[in-house]
Amino acid sequence: MLTSKKVKEIMFSMGADLCGIASMDRFADAPAGYHPSDVFPACKSVISFGCRFPVGTLLCKSDIPYTRARNSITAKNDAIALDFCMKMEQYQAVCVPIPTNESQWDKNTDRWRSVVSQKHAA
């Protein structure tokens, strides 16, 4: 049986440092077009995870170390998301990996947004 504890164990085993599961009611006030069901109509919950960011890169006078760390962690997060979705299919659970750093232009707010509201997931 796939429990929230098992989901988190799998996510941590893949390299995530944080993991949480958000129910769909968290997205009640998500902007139109950015609700999880707008991407995947059968969505029942959203699994959010993160990886540690080296603090030293935030304290540098140069932005190069930060940018390099951000790019590496972005690739790591995207790989974890994809691998996790593939693993979940072994449990007959269908998931959709949402890209870490790819977004779309929201003409209503004149800014870039993830395809799912990350604020609501957090």
PDB file of N, CA and C in Angstrom:
ATOM      1  N   MET A   1       0.840  -1.192   0.000  1.00  0.00           N
ATOM      2  CA  MET A   1       0.000   0.000   0.000  1.00  0.00           C
ATOM      3  C   MET A   1       0.880   1.249   0.000  1.00  0.00           C
ATOM      4  N   LEU A   2       0.480   2.221  -0.758  1.00  0.00           N
ATOM      5  CA  LEU A   2       1.241   3.464  -0.879  1.00  0.00           C
ATOM      6  C   LEU A   2       0.708   4.490   0.112  1.00  0.00           C
ATOM      7  N   THR A   3       1.451   4.706   1.191  1.00  0.00           N
ATOM      8  CA  THR A   3       1.067   5.670   2.219  1.00  0.00           C
ATOM      9  C   THR A   3       1.897   6.940   2.058  1.00  0.00           C
ATOM     10  N   SER A   4       1.496   8.002   2.752  1.00  0.00           N
ATOM     11  CA  SER A   4       2.287   9.233   2.695  1.00  0.00           C
ATOM     12  C   SER A   4       3.686   8.993   3.253  1.00  0.00           C
ATOM     13  N   LYS A   5       3.793   8.148   4.256  1.00  0.00           N
ATOM     14  CA  LYS A   5       5.113   7.818   4.823  1.00  0.00           C
ATOM     15  C   LYS A   5       5.984   7.138   3.770  1.00  0.00           C
ATOM     16  N   LYS A   6       5.411   6.208   3.017  1.00  0.00           N
ATOM     17  CA  LYS A   6       6.158   5.502   1.971  1.00  0.00           C
ATOM     18  C   LYS A   6       6.570   6.464   0.862  1.00  0.00           C
ATOM     19  N   VAL A   7       5.668   7.350   0.467  1.00  0.00           N
ATOM     20  CA  VAL A   7       5.980   8.342  -0.569  1.00  0.00           C
ATOM     21  C   VAL A   7       7.185   9.179  -0.137  1.00  0.00           C
ATOM     22  N   LYS A   8       7.178   9.638   1.108  1.00  0.00           N
ATOM     23  CA  LYS A   8       8.289  10.457   1.609  1.00  0.00           C
ATOM     24  C   LYS A   8       9.575   9.644   1.701  1.00  0.00           C
ATOM     25  N   GLU A   9       9.491   8.405   2.127  1.00  0.00           N
ATOM     26  CA  GLU A   9      10.686   7.544   2.180  1.00  0.00           C
ATOM     27  C   GLU A   9      11.316   7.419   0.799  1.00  0.00           C
ATOM     28  N   ILE A  10      10.482   7.202  -0.199  1.00  0.00           N
ATOM     29  CA  ILE A  10      10.987   7.080  -1.570  1.00  0.00           C
ATOM     30  C   ILE A  10      11.625   8.388  -2.010  1.00  0.00           C
ATOM     31  N   MET A  11      10.964   9.496  -1.749  1.00  0.00           N
ATOM     32  CA  MET A  11      11.500  10.799  -2.152  1.00  0.00           C
ATOM     33  C   MET A  11      12.845  11.071  -1.470  1.00  0.00           C
ATOM     34  N   PHE A  12      12.943  10.789  -0.176  1.00  0.00           N
ATOM     35  CA  PHE A  12      14.211  11.003   0.535  1.00  0.00           C
ATOM     36  C   PHE A  12      15.297  10.072   0.000  1.00  0.00           C
ATOM     37  N   SER A  13      14.931   8.848  -0.356  1.00  0.00           N
ATOM     38  CA  SER A  13      15.920   7.903  -0.888  1.00  0.00           C
ATOM     39  C   SER A  13      16.460   8.359  -2.240  1.00  0.00           C
ATOM     40  N   MET A  14      15.721   9.206  -2.923  1.00  0.00           N
ATOM     41  CA  MET A  14      16.140   9.715  -4.227  1.00  0.00           C
ATOM     42  C   MET A  14      16.956  10.996  -4.123  1.00  0.00           C
ATOM     43  N   GLY A  15      17.108  11.523  -2.908  1.00  0.00           N
ATOM     44  CA  GLY A  15      17.967  12.689  -2.733  1.00  0.00           C
ATOM     45  C   GLY A  15      17.297  13.953  -2.254  1.00  0.00           C
ATOM     46  N   ALA A  16      15.994  13.927  -2.039  1.00  0.00           N
ATOM     47  CA  ALA A  16      15.312  15.122  -1.530  1.00  0.00           C
ATOM     48  C   ALA A  16      15.659  15.332  -0.061  1.00  0.00           C
ATOM     49  N   ASP A  17      15.741  16.583   0.358  1.00  0.00           N
ATOM     50  CA  ASP A  17      15.998  16.923   1.766  1.00  0.00           C
ATOM     51  C   ASP A  17      14.713  17.292   2.490  1.00  0.00           C
ATOM     52  N   LEU A  18      13.723  17.745   1.751  1.00  0.00           N
ATOM     53  CA  LEU A  18      12.410  18.095   2.297  1.00  0.00           C
ATOM     54  C   LEU A  18      11.344  17.481   1.405  1.00  0.00           C
ATOM     55  N   CYS A  19      10.220  17.122   2.004  1.00  0.00           N
ATOM     56  CA  CYS A  19       9.118  16.598   1.211  1.00  0.00           C
ATOM     57  C   CYS A  19       7.818  16.813   1.966  1.00  0.00           C
ATOM     58  N   GLY A  20       6.809  17.265   1.249  1.00  0.00           N
ATOM     59  CA  GLY A  20       5.486  17.435   1.822  1.00  0.00           C
ATOM     60  C   GLY A  20       4.426  17.067   0.794  1.00  0.00           C
ATOM     61  N   ILE A  21       3.250  16.730   1.290  1.00  0.00           N
ATOM     62  CA  ILE A  21       2.151  16.355   0.404  1.00  0.00           C
ATOM     63  C   ILE A  21       0.997  17.309   0.672  1.00  0.00           C
ATOM     64  N   ALA A  22       0.581  18.012  -0.367  1.00  0.00           N
ATOM     65  CA  ALA A  22      -0.493  18.999  -0.248  1.00  0.00           C
ATOM     66  C   ALA A  22      -1.787  18.425  -0.818  1.00  0.00           C
ATOM     67  N   SER A  23      -2.865  18.571  -0.065  1.00  0.00           N
ATOM     68  CA  SER A  23      -4.169  18.137  -0.566  1.00  0.00           C
ATOM     69  C   SER A  23      -4.695  19.187  -1.540  1.00  0.00           C
ATOM     70  N   MET A  24      -5.645  18.804  -2.320  1.00  0.00           N
ATOM     71  CA  MET A  24      -6.176  19.698  -3.357  1.00  0.00           C
ATOM     72  C   MET A  24      -6.866  20.933  -2.780  1.00  0.00           C
ATOM     73  N   ASP A  25      -7.355  20.855  -1.546  1.00  0.00           N
ATOM     74  CA  ASP A  25      -8.020  22.033  -0.969  1.00  0.00           C
ATOM     75  C   ASP A  25      -7.061  23.199  -0.779  1.00  0.00           C
ATOM     76  N   ARG A  26      -5.768  22.944  -0.726  1.00  0.00           N
ATOM     77  CA  ARG A  26      -4.781  24.029  -0.624  1.00  0.00           C
ATOM     78  C   ARG A  26      -4.792  24.924  -1.854  1.00  0.00           C
ATOM     79  N   PHE A  27      -5.309  24.414  -2.950  1.00  0.00           N
ATOM     80  CA  PHE A  27      -5.269  25.133  -4.221  1.00  0.00           C
ATOM     81  C   PHE A  27      -6.582  25.818  -4.558  1.00  0.00           C
ATOM     82  N   ALA A  28      -7.486  25.891  -3.596  1.00  0.00           N
ATOM     83  CA  ALA A  28      -8.812  26.491  -3.837  1.00  0.00           C
ATOM     84  C   ALA A  28      -8.692  27.913  -4.387  1.00  0.00           C
ATOM     85  N   ASP A  29      -7.708  28.680  -3.930  1.00  0.00           N
ATOM     86  CA  ASP A  29      -7.537  30.061  -4.381  1.00  0.00           C
ATOM     87  C   ASP A  29      -6.418  30.227  -5.401  1.00  0.00           C
ATOM     88  N   ALA A  30      -5.959  29.114  -5.980  1.00  0.00           N
ATOM     89  CA  ALA A  30      -4.899  29.206  -6.996  1.00  0.00           C
ATOM     90  C   ALA A  30      -5.426  29.980  -8.201  1.00  0.00           C
ATOM     91  N   PRO A  31      -4.566  30.758  -8.831  1.00  0.00           N
ATOM     92  CA  PRO A  31      -5.006  31.513 -10.011  1.00  0.00           C
ATOM     93  C   PRO A  31      -5.539  30.584 -11.100  1.00  0.00           C
ATOM     94  N   ALA A  32      -6.508  31.047 -11.828  1.00  0.00           N
ATOM     95  CA  ALA A  32      -7.072  30.269 -12.931  1.00  0.00           C
ATOM     96  C   ALA A  32      -5.967  29.860 -13.893  1.00  0.00           C
ATOM     97  N   GLY A  33      -5.958  28.591 -14.241  1.00  0.00           N
ATOM     98  CA  GLY A  33      -4.938  28.075 -15.149  1.00  0.00           C
ATOM     99  C   GLY A  33      -3.717  27.527 -14.448  1.00  0.00           C
ATOM    100  N   TYR A  34      -3.604  27.712 -13.126  1.00  0.00           N
ATOM    101  CA  TYR A  34      -2.414  27.280 -12.382  1.00  0.00           C
ATOM    102  C   TYR A  34      -2.758  26.300 -11.262  1.00  0.00           C
ATOM    103  N   HIS A  35      -3.945  25.749 -11.344  1.00  0.00           N
ATOM    104  CA  HIS A  35      -4.386  24.719 -10.397  1.00  0.00           C
ATOM    105  C   HIS A  35      -3.808  23.391 -10.885  1.00  0.00           C
ATOM    106  N   PRO A  36      -3.426  22.481  -9.988  1.00  0.00           N
ATOM    107  CA  PRO A  36      -2.896  21.190 -10.435  1.00  0.00           C
ATOM    108  C   PRO A  36      -3.803  20.458 -11.424  1.00  0.00           C
ATOM    109  N   SER A  37      -5.105  20.571 -11.243  1.00  0.00           N
ATOM    110  CA  SER A  37      -6.017  19.887 -12.164  1.00  0.00           C
ATOM    111  C   SER A  37      -6.053  20.543 -13.545  1.00  0.00           C
ATOM    112  N   ASP A  38      -5.524  21.771 -13.669  1.00  0.00           N
ATOM    113  CA  ASP A  38      -5.396  22.391 -14.983  1.00  0.00           C
ATOM    114  C   ASP A  38      -4.298  21.713 -15.799  1.00  0.00           C
ATOM    115  N   VAL A  39      -3.330  21.113 -15.106  1.00  0.00           N
ATOM    116  CA  VAL A  39      -2.244  20.396 -15.758  1.00  0.00           C
ATOM    117  C   VAL A  39      -2.592  18.915 -15.896  1.00  0.00           C
ATOM    118  N   PHE A  40      -3.133  18.345 -14.816  1.00  0.00           N
ATOM    119  CA  PHE A  40      -3.448  16.920 -14.765  1.00  0.00           C
ATOM    120  C   PHE A  40      -4.818  16.754 -14.110  1.00  0.00           C
ATOM    121  N   PRO A  41      -5.866  16.641 -14.908  1.00  0.00           N
ATOM    122  CA  PRO A  41      -7.237  16.617 -14.363  1.00  0.00           C
ATOM    123  C   PRO A  41      -7.491  15.562 -13.292  1.00  0.00           C
ATOM    124  N   ALA A  42      -6.762  14.449 -13.307  1.00  0.00           N
ATOM    125  CA  ALA A  42      -6.973  13.388 -12.322  1.00  0.00           C
ATOM    126  C   ALA A  42      -6.191  13.612 -11.023  1.00  0.00           C
ATOM    127  N   CYS A  43      -5.537  14.753 -10.888  1.00  0.00           N
ATOM    128  CA  CYS A  43      -4.692  15.023  -9.719  1.00  0.00           C
ATOM    129  C   CYS A  43      -5.489  14.968  -8.415  1.00  0.00           C
ATOM    130  N   LYS A  44      -4.928  14.250  -7.427  1.00  0.00           N
ATOM    131  CA  LYS A  44      -5.572  14.131  -6.112  1.00  0.00           C
ATOM    132  C   LYS A  44      -4.769  14.807  -5.015  1.00  0.00           C
ATOM    133  N   SER A  45      -3.458  14.962  -5.232  1.00  0.00           N
ATOM    134  CA  SER A  45      -2.601  15.655  -4.277  1.00  0.00           C
ATOM    135  C   SER A  45      -1.325  16.082  -4.993  1.00  0.00           C
ATOM    136  N   VAL A  46      -0.589  16.982  -4.351  1.00  0.00           N
ATOM    137  CA  VAL A  46       0.659  17.488  -4.920  1.00  0.00           C
ATOM    138  C   VAL A  46       1.794  17.180  -3.956  1.00  0.00           C
ATOM    139  N   ILE A  47       2.825  16.557  -4.487  1.00  0.00           N
ATOM    140  CA  ILE A  47       4.008  16.237  -3.687  1.00  0.00           C
ATOM    141  C   ILE A  47       5.046  17.299  -3.999  1.00  0.00           C
ATOM    142  N   SER A  48       5.447  18.011  -2.963  1.00  0.00           N
ATOM    143  CA  SER A  48       6.426  19.079  -3.113  1.00  0.00           C
ATOM    144  C   SER A  48       7.694  18.652  -2.387  1.00  0.00           C
ATOM    145  N   PHE A  49       8.849  18.918  -2.988  1.00  0.00           N
ATOM    146  CA  PHE A  49      10.115  18.534  -2.358  1.00  0.00           C
ATOM    147  C   PHE A  49      11.179  19.571  -2.676  1.00  0.00           C
ATOM    148  N   GLY A  50      12.259  19.495  -1.942  1.00  0.00           N
ATOM    149  CA  GLY A  50      13.367  20.412  -2.173  1.00  0.00           C
ATOM    150  C   GLY A  50      14.690  19.805  -1.748  1.00  0.00           C
ATOM    151  N   CYS A  51      15.748  20.408  -2.241  1.00  0.00           N
ATOM    152  CA  CYS A  51      17.105  20.001  -1.898  1.00  0.00           C
ATOM    153  C   CYS A  51      17.846  21.190  -1.291  1.00  0.00           C
ATOM    154  N   ARG A  52      18.739  20.881  -0.396  1.00  0.00           N
ATOM    155  CA  ARG A  52      19.509  21.944   0.271  1.00  0.00           C
ATOM    156  C   ARG A  52      20.275  22.788  -0.736  1.00  0.00           C
ATOM    157  N   PHE A  53      20.394  24.066  -0.395  1.00  0.00           N
ATOM    158  CA  PHE A  53      21.158  25.023  -1.189  1.00  0.00           C
ATOM    159  C   PHE A  53      22.344  25.451  -0.340  1.00  0.00           C
ATOM    160  N   PRO A  54      23.575  25.419  -0.869  1.00  0.00           N
ATOM    161  CA  PRO A  54      24.730  25.795  -0.062  1.00  0.00           C
ATOM    162  C   PRO A  54      24.684  27.274   0.370  1.00  0.00           C
ATOM    163  N   VAL A  55      24.648  27.501   1.664  1.00  0.00           N
ATOM    164  CA  VAL A  55      24.517  28.847   2.219  1.00  0.00           C
ATOM    165  C   VAL A  55      25.650  29.760   1.745  1.00  0.00           C
ATOM    166  N   GLY A  56      26.834  29.218   1.635  1.00  0.00           N
ATOM    167  CA  GLY A  56      27.984  30.031   1.229  1.00  0.00           C
ATOM    168  C   GLY A  56      27.779  30.746  -0.092  1.00  0.00           C
ATOM    169  N   THR A  57      27.038  30.122  -0.991  1.00  0.00           N
ATOM    170  CA  THR A  57      26.822  30.759  -2.299  1.00  0.00           C
ATOM    171  C   THR A  57      25.943  31.996  -2.183  1.00  0.00           C
ATOM    172  N   LEU A  58      25.156  32.076  -1.124  1.00  0.00           N
ATOM    173  CA  LEU A  58      24.302  33.246  -0.910  1.00  0.00           C
ATOM    174  C   LEU A  58      25.073  34.409  -0.280  1.00  0.00           C
ATOM    175  N   LEU A  59      26.255  34.118   0.250  1.00  0.00           N
ATOM    176  CA  LEU A  59      27.050  35.122   0.945  1.00  0.00           C
ATOM    177  C   LEU A  59      28.201  35.668   0.102  1.00  0.00           C
ATOM    178  N   CYS A  60      28.362  35.143  -1.102  1.00  0.00           N
ATOM    179  CA  CYS A  60      29.473  35.548  -1.973  1.00  0.00           C
ATOM    180  C   CYS A  60      29.255  36.942  -2.555  1.00  0.00           C
ATOM    181  N   LYS A  61      30.361  37.616  -2.851  1.00  0.00           N
ATOM    182  CA  LYS A  61      30.280  38.897  -3.551  1.00  0.00           C
ATOM    183  C   LYS A  61      30.021  38.689  -5.031  1.00  0.00           C
ATOM    184  N   SER A  62      30.418  37.538  -5.537  1.00  0.00           N
ATOM    185  CA  SER A  62      30.184  37.192  -6.940  1.00  0.00           C
ATOM    186  C   SER A  62      28.909  36.356  -7.030  1.00  0.00           C
ATOM    187  N   ASP A  63      28.150  36.540  -8.101  1.00  0.00           N
ATOM    188  CA  ASP A  63      26.948  35.729  -8.277  1.00  0.00           C
ATOM    189  C   ASP A  63      27.224  34.418  -9.011  1.00  0.00           C
ATOM    190  N   ILE A  64      28.460  34.209  -9.422  1.00  0.00           N
ATOM    191  CA  ILE A  64      28.805  32.999 -10.171  1.00  0.00           C
ATOM    192  C   ILE A  64      28.615  31.730  -9.342  1.00  0.00           C
ATOM    193  N   PRO A  65      29.111  31.656  -8.080  1.00  0.00           N
ATOM    194  CA  PRO A  65      28.872  30.431  -7.307  1.00  0.00           C
ATOM    195  C   PRO A  65      27.382  30.142  -7.092  1.00  0.00           C
ATOM    196  N   TYR A  66      26.601  31.183  -6.821  1.00  0.00           N
ATOM    197  CA  TYR A  66      25.156  31.004  -6.640  1.00  0.00           C
ATOM    198  C   TYR A  66      24.521  30.460  -7.922  1.00  0.00           C
ATOM    199  N   THR A  67      24.857  31.066  -9.046  1.00  0.00           N
ATOM    200  CA  THR A  67      24.262  30.660 -10.318  1.00  0.00           C
ATOM    201  C   THR A  67      24.617  29.217 -10.643  1.00  0.00           C
ATOM    202  N   ARG A  68      25.856  28.840 -10.412  1.00  0.00           N
ATOM    203  CA  ARG A  68      26.281  27.461 -10.682  1.00  0.00           C
ATOM    204  C   ARG A  68      25.540  26.489  -9.779  1.00  0.00           C
ATOM    205  N   ALA A  69      25.423  26.814  -8.493  1.00  0.00           N
ATOM    206  CA  ALA A  69      24.696  25.942  -7.562  1.00  0.00           C
ATOM    207  C   ALA A  69      23.224  25.852  -7.948  1.00  0.00           C
ATOM    208  N   ARG A  70      22.618  26.982  -8.275  1.00  0.00           N
ATOM    209  CA  ARG A  70      21.207  26.996  -8.676  1.00  0.00           C
ATOM    210  C   ARG A  70      20.973  26.121  -9.896  1.00  0.00           C
ATOM    211  N   ASN A  71      21.850  26.247 -10.884  1.00  0.00           N
ATOM    212  CA  ASN A  71      21.690  25.445 -12.100  1.00  0.00           C
ATOM    213  C   ASN A  71      21.847  23.956 -11.813  1.00  0.00           C
ATOM    214  N   SER A  72      22.785  23.608 -10.972  1.00  0.00           N
ATOM    215  CA  SER A  72      22.991  22.196 -10.621  1.00  0.00           C
ATOM    216  C   SER A  72      21.823  21.643  -9.825  1.00  0.00           C
ATOM    217  N   ILE A  73      21.327  22.413  -8.871  1.00  0.00           N
ATOM    218  CA  ILE A  73      20.209  21.958  -8.042  1.00  0.00           C
ATOM    219  C   ILE A  73      18.925  21.881  -8.870  1.00  0.00           C
ATOM    220  N   THR A  74      18.761  22.793  -9.804  1.00  0.00           N
ATOM    221  CA  THR A  74      17.605  22.734 -10.694  1.00  0.00           C
ATOM    222  C   THR A  74      17.614  21.420 -11.470  1.00  0.00           C
ATOM    223  N   ALA A  75      18.754  21.063 -12.035  1.00  0.00           N
ATOM    224  CA  ALA A  75      18.873  19.804 -12.780  1.00  0.00           C
ATOM    225  C   ALA A  75      18.637  18.605 -11.856  1.00  0.00           C
ATOM    226  N   LYS A  76      19.163  18.675 -10.639  1.00  0.00           N
ATOM    227  CA  LYS A  76      18.968  17.592  -9.671  1.00  0.00           C
ATOM    228  C   LYS A  76      17.487  17.438  -9.333  1.00  0.00           C
ATOM    229  N   ASN A  77      16.806  18.553  -9.054  1.00  0.00           N
ATOM    230  CA  ASN A  77      15.377  18.503  -8.727  1.00  0.00           C
ATOM    231  C   ASN A  77      14.561  17.928  -9.885  1.00  0.00           C
ATOM    232  N   ASP A  78      14.866  18.346 -11.093  1.00  0.00           N
ATOM    233  CA  ASP A  78      14.134  17.839 -12.253  1.00  0.00           C
ATOM    234  C   ASP A  78      14.363  16.336 -12.436  1.00  0.00           C
ATOM    235  N   ALA A  79      15.589  15.876 -12.199  1.00  0.00           N
ATOM    236  CA  ALA A  79      15.889  14.437 -12.314  1.00  0.00           C
ATOM    237  C   ALA A  79      15.161  13.652 -11.225  1.00  0.00           C
ATOM    238  N   ILE A  80      15.144  14.171 -10.005  1.00  0.00           N
ATOM    239  CA  ILE A  80      14.430  13.500  -8.913  1.00  0.00           C
ATOM    240  C   ILE A  80      12.941  13.411  -9.252  1.00  0.00           C
ATOM    241  N   ALA A  81      12.363  14.501  -9.737  1.00  0.00           N
ATOM    242  CA  ALA A  81      10.932  14.517 -10.062  1.00  0.00           C
ATOM    243  C   ALA A  81      10.599  13.462 -11.115  1.00  0.00           C
ATOM    244  N   LEU A  82      11.408  13.376 -12.146  1.00  0.00           N
ATOM    245  CA  LEU A  82      11.160  12.404 -13.206  1.00  0.00           C
ATOM    246  C   LEU A  82      11.323  10.973 -12.684  1.00  0.00           C
ATOM    247  N   ASP A  83      12.413  10.719 -11.966  1.00  0.00           N
ATOM    248  CA  ASP A  83      12.640   9.378 -11.417  1.00  0.00           C
ATOM    249  C   ASP A  83      11.536   8.983 -10.445  1.00  0.00           C
ATOM    250  N   PHE A  84      11.081   9.943  -9.644  1.00  0.00           N
ATOM    251  CA  PHE A  84      10.015   9.675  -8.683  1.00  0.00           C
ATOM    252  C   PHE A  84       8.726   9.279  -9.410  1.00  0.00           C
ATOM    253  N   CYS A  85       8.381  10.012 -10.459  1.00  0.00           N
ATOM    254  CA  CYS A  85       7.173   9.683 -11.216  1.00  0.00           C
ATOM    255  C   CYS A  85       7.255   8.278 -11.807  1.00  0.00           C
ATOM    256  N   MET A  86       8.404   7.927 -12.313  1.00  0.00           N
ATOM    257  CA  MET A  86       8.580   6.583 -12.867  1.00  0.00           C
ATOM    258  C   MET A  86       8.454   5.523 -11.760  1.00  0.00           C
ATOM    259  N   LYS A  87       9.004   5.798 -10.609  1.00  0.00           N
ATOM    260  CA  LYS A  87       8.912   4.871  -9.477  1.00  0.00           C
ATOM    261  C   LYS A  87       7.459   4.708  -9.036  1.00  0.00           C
ATOM    262  N   MET A  88       6.703   5.796  -8.999  1.00  0.00           N
ATOM    263  CA  MET A  88       5.310   5.732  -8.554  1.00  0.00           C
ATOM    264  C   MET A  88       4.455   4.846  -9.469  1.00  0.00           C
ATOM    265  N   GLU A  89       4.834   4.773 -10.745  1.00  0.00           N
ATOM    266  CA  GLU A  89       4.086   3.914 -11.656  1.00  0.00           C
ATOM    267  C   GLU A  89       4.201   2.447 -11.268  1.00  0.00           C
ATOM    268  N   GLN A  90       5.269   2.090 -10.554  1.00  0.00           N
ATOM    269  CA  GLN A  90       5.396   0.717 -10.045  1.00  0.00           C
ATOM    270  C   GLN A  90       4.329   0.429  -8.990  1.00  0.00           C
ATOM    271  N   TYR A  91       3.783   1.482  -8.409  1.00  0.00           N
ATOM    272  CA  TYR A  91       2.709   1.368  -7.412  1.00  0.00           C
ATOM    273  C   TYR A  91       1.342   1.699  -8.025  1.00  0.00           C
ATOM    274  N   GLN A  92       1.277   1.759  -9.336  1.00  0.00           N
ATOM    275  CA  GLN A  92       0.063   2.114 -10.076  1.00  0.00           C
ATOM    276  C   GLN A  92      -0.434   3.521  -9.734  1.00  0.00           C
ATOM    277  N   ALA A  93       0.474   4.399  -9.381  1.00  0.00           N
ATOM    278  CA  ALA A  93       0.161   5.807  -9.124  1.00  0.00           C
ATOM    279  C   ALA A  93       0.746   6.630 -10.274  1.00  0.00           C
ATOM    280  N   VAL A  94      -0.079   7.439 -10.904  1.00  0.00           N
ATOM    281  CA  VAL A  94       0.373   8.259 -12.028  1.00  0.00           C
ATOM    282  C   VAL A  94       0.693   9.659 -11.516  1.00  0.00           C
ATOM    283  N   CYS A  95       1.880  10.122 -11.836  1.00  0.00           N
ATOM    284  CA  CYS A  95       2.348  11.446 -11.407  1.00  0.00           C
ATOM    285  C   CYS A  95       2.827  12.242 -12.616  1.00  0.00           C
ATOM    286  N   VAL A  96       2.917  13.547 -12.446  1.00  0.00           N
ATOM    287  CA  VAL A  96       3.421  14.429 -13.492  1.00  0.00           C
ATOM    288  C   VAL A  96       4.571  15.248 -12.909  1.00  0.00           C
ATOM    289  N   PRO A  97       5.765  15.163 -13.496  1.00  0.00           N
ATOM    290  CA  PRO A  97       6.870  15.991 -13.003  1.00  0.00           C
ATOM    291  C   PRO A  97       6.714  17.431 -13.486  1.00  0.00           C
ATOM    292  N   ILE A  98       6.673  18.359 -12.557  1.00  0.00           N
ATOM    293  CA  ILE A  98       6.574  19.779 -12.898  1.00  0.00           C
ATOM    294  C   ILE A  98       7.996  20.353 -12.896  1.00  0.00           C
ATOM    295  N   PRO A  99       8.422  20.956 -13.991  1.00  0.00           N
ATOM    296  CA  PRO A  99       9.787  21.478 -14.060  1.00  0.00           C
ATOM    297  C   PRO A  99      10.075  22.515 -12.966  1.00  0.00           C
ATOM    298  N   THR A 100      11.284  22.470 -12.466  1.00  0.00           N
ATOM    299  CA  THR A 100      11.708  23.378 -11.406  1.00  0.00           C
ATOM    300  C   THR A 100      11.787  24.822 -11.876  1.00  0.00           C
ATOM    301  N   ASN A 101      12.356  25.041 -13.031  1.00  0.00           N
ATOM    302  CA  ASN A 101      12.697  26.401 -13.430  1.00  0.00           C
ATOM    303  C   ASN A 101      12.066  26.832 -14.748  1.00  0.00           C
ATOM    304  N   GLU A 102      11.215  26.011 -15.311  1.00  0.00           N
ATOM    305  CA  GLU A 102      10.544  26.404 -16.544  1.00  0.00           C
ATOM    306  C   GLU A 102       9.179  26.952 -16.175  1.00  0.00           C
ATOM    307  N   SER A 103       8.826  28.028 -16.801  1.00  0.00           N
ATOM    308  CA  SER A 103       7.555  28.655 -16.460  1.00  0.00           C
ATOM    309  C   SER A 103       6.921  29.236 -17.715  1.00  0.00           C
ATOM    310  N   GLN A 104       5.756  29.775 -17.533  1.00  0.00           N
ATOM    311  CA  GLN A 104       5.049  30.389 -18.656  1.00  0.00           C
ATOM    312  C   GLN A 104       4.626  31.802 -18.271  1.00  0.00           C
ATOM    313  N   TRP A 105       4.457  32.624 -19.273  1.00  0.00           N
ATOM    314  CA  TRP A 105       4.088  34.019 -19.054  1.00  0.00           C
ATOM    315  C   TRP A 105       2.602  34.097 -18.732  1.00  0.00           C
ATOM    316  N   ASP A 106       2.293  34.735 -17.596  1.00  0.00           N
ATOM    317  CA  ASP A 106       0.902  34.951 -17.199  1.00  0.00           C
ATOM    318  C   ASP A 106       0.525  36.364 -17.625  1.00  0.00           C
ATOM    319  N   LYS A 107      -0.261  36.470 -18.672  1.00  0.00           N
ATOM    320  CA  LYS A 107      -0.624  37.791 -19.206  1.00  0.00           C
ATOM    321  C   LYS A 107      -1.517  38.570 -18.249  1.00  0.00           C
ATOM    322  N   ASN A 108      -2.167  37.889 -17.304  1.00  0.00           N
ATOM    323  CA  ASN A 108      -3.024  38.576 -16.337  1.00  0.00           C
ATOM    324  C   ASN A 108      -2.220  39.326 -15.268  1.00  0.00           C
ATOM    325  N   THR A 109      -1.031  38.809 -14.952  1.00  0.00           N
ATOM    326  CA  THR A 109      -0.206  39.446 -13.916  1.00  0.00           C
ATOM    327  C   THR A 109       1.087  40.024 -14.477  1.00  0.00           C
ATOM    328  N   ASP A 110       1.330  39.799 -15.768  1.00  0.00           N
ATOM    329  CA  ASP A 110       2.566  40.258 -16.411  1.00  0.00           C
ATOM    330  C   ASP A 110       3.815  39.754 -15.685  1.00  0.00           C
ATOM    331  N   ARG A 111       3.820  38.436 -15.409  1.00  0.00           N
ATOM    332  CA  ARG A 111       5.007  37.828 -14.804  1.00  0.00           C
ATOM    333  C   ARG A 111       5.060  36.351 -15.172  1.00  0.00           C
ATOM    334  N   TRP A 112       6.231  35.764 -14.912  1.00  0.00           N
ATOM    335  CA  TRP A 112       6.420  34.345 -15.176  1.00  0.00           C
ATOM    336  C   TRP A 112       5.868  33.532 -14.015  1.00  0.00           C
ATOM    337  N   ARG A 113       5.256  32.392 -14.313  1.00  0.00           N
ATOM    338  CA  ARG A 113       4.712  31.492 -13.297  1.00  0.00           C
ATOM    339  C   ARG A 113       5.031  30.046 -13.673  1.00  0.00           C
ATOM    340  N   SER A 114       5.176  29.213 -12.649  1.00  0.00           N
ATOM    341  CA  SER A 114       5.238  27.778 -12.865  1.00  0.00           C
ATOM    342  C   SER A 114       3.872  27.332 -13.364  1.00  0.00           C
ATOM    343  N   VAL A 115       3.779  26.196 -14.009  1.00  0.00           N
ATOM    344  CA  VAL A 115       2.494  25.738 -14.529  1.00  0.00           C
ATOM    345  C   VAL A 115       1.539  25.320 -13.420  1.00  0.00           C
ATOM    346  N   VAL A 116       2.063  25.144 -12.201  1.00  0.00           N
ATOM    347  CA  VAL A 116       1.241  24.898 -10.990  1.00  0.00           C
ATOM    348  C   VAL A 116       1.682  25.910  -9.957  1.00  0.00           C
ATOM    349  N   SER A 117       0.740  26.512  -9.245  1.00  0.00           N
ATOM    350  CA  SER A 117       1.087  27.518  -8.240  1.00  0.00           C
ATOM    351  C   SER A 117       1.968  26.927  -7.145  1.00  0.00           C
ATOM    352  N   GLN A 118       3.228  27.333  -7.145  1.00  0.00           N
ATOM    353  CA  GLN A 118       4.181  26.843  -6.145  1.00  0.00           C
ATOM    354  C   GLN A 118       3.878  27.410  -4.749  1.00  0.00           C
ATOM    355  N   LYS A 119       3.329  28.609  -4.690  1.00  0.00           N
ATOM    356  CA  LYS A 119       2.972  29.205  -3.399  1.00  0.00           C
ATOM    357  C   LYS A 119       1.916  28.362  -2.713  1.00  0.00           C
ATOM    358  N   HIS A 120       0.950  27.880  -3.446  1.00  0.00           N
ATOM    359  CA  HIS A 120      -0.100  27.060  -2.855  1.00  0.00           C
ATOM    360  C   HIS A 120       0.426  25.692  -2.455  1.00  0.00           C
ATOM    361  N   ALA A 121       1.365  25.164  -3.233  1.00  0.00           N
ATOM    362  CA  ALA A 121       1.959  23.856  -2.895  1.00  0.00           C
ATOM    363  C   ALA A 121       2.778  23.955  -1.618  1.00  0.00           C
ATOM    364  N   ALA A 122       3.492  25.077  -1.468  1.00  0.00           N
ATOM    365  CA  ALA A 122       4.342  25.251  -0.285  1.00  0.00           C
ATOM    366  C   ALA A 122       3.503  25.417   0.964  1.00  0.00           C
TER     367      ALA A 122
END
